[in-house]
Amino acid sequence: MRPMSDDNTPPEEPHVPERPLKGEAGAEAPRSGPEPGEPQQSGRRRLAAGLWPPRVSRAQLIVALLLFVLGLGLAIQVRSNSDSSAPLRGARQEDLVRILDELDGRTKRLEDEKQKLEDQRKELESSSNQAEEARRQTVEKERQLGILAGTVAAQGPGITLRITDTKGQVRSDQLLDTLQELRAAGAEAIQINGVRVVAGSYFSDQGGGVSIDGKKITQPYEFRVIGRPQDLEPALNIPGGVVQTMEKEQATVAVTRSAKIVVDALRAAKQPDYARSSSS
């Protein structure tokens, strides 16, 4: 038993250093602070160490480059728009109105031109083969012109007109009148006794008969006419027309409708000596 001091103060217990705790495996517990003598880093140093040197991936670098290029383009565009609109800022009201009118007119012209091009495109697309369509139209046009010129054969509905003149009273002028009546009624192709009649054909009396374009024909005179039968036959039978005139000359006239008339007499294609096409 320790003696008490004179002032009744209990004596101090001797200091016993604490031993580190051990885990189940006997390992020491982690330290809560740095070892003695280890330099302690500040928060600023740790932040600087985390930011430098920068750790940038390739994808981030590409995105940054694209953003830079986009920003540069926008700046150039804004600058060009500002430069282009600068002359209009000081323009007078009359000049601005005139410029707007010109722009409206130009816009309308462009819209009209666009519509025309659209129509042409639709026409071209409607034909599966433009070259074949053009060739077909050329052949058809050539055929039509050949029929009119008498250089190709033709067939179609029409009539047959047969004039029998036993006394020889029918003259060339009466046959010409008959031809004119048929043409006026819509005849498209005509053949008389094996002679193709065209726009330049002429009639004349020759040796008790009639000649067409210098070729003599004899009666009976047979007209093969291609056209609409419902129009051709009434044109010949009108009062005072071809049939009555021929009957007064004691000639016999017979008109027969047919669903198919063949006009196969041809004329040689004549080339002009001096005329040339002007579409060159």
Foldseek 3Di string as FASTA:
>chain_A
DDDADPVRDDDDDDDDDDDFDADPVGDGDDDPDDDPPDDDDDPVVVVVVVPPPHDDDPVNVVVVVVVVVVVVVVVVVVVVVCVVCVVVVPDDPVVVVVVVVVVVVVVVVVVVVVVVVVVVVVVVVVDPDPVVVVVVVVVVVVVLVCQQQQAAKDKFWAKKKWKAQPPLQDFFVLVVQLVVLQVVLPWRWKDKPLRTDHPPWDWHDDDSFIAINNRTDHPRIMMFTHDDHVRRVVSQVDVVHSCVVSVVSVMDIDMGTDGMTIDGRGDDDDDDDPDDDPPD
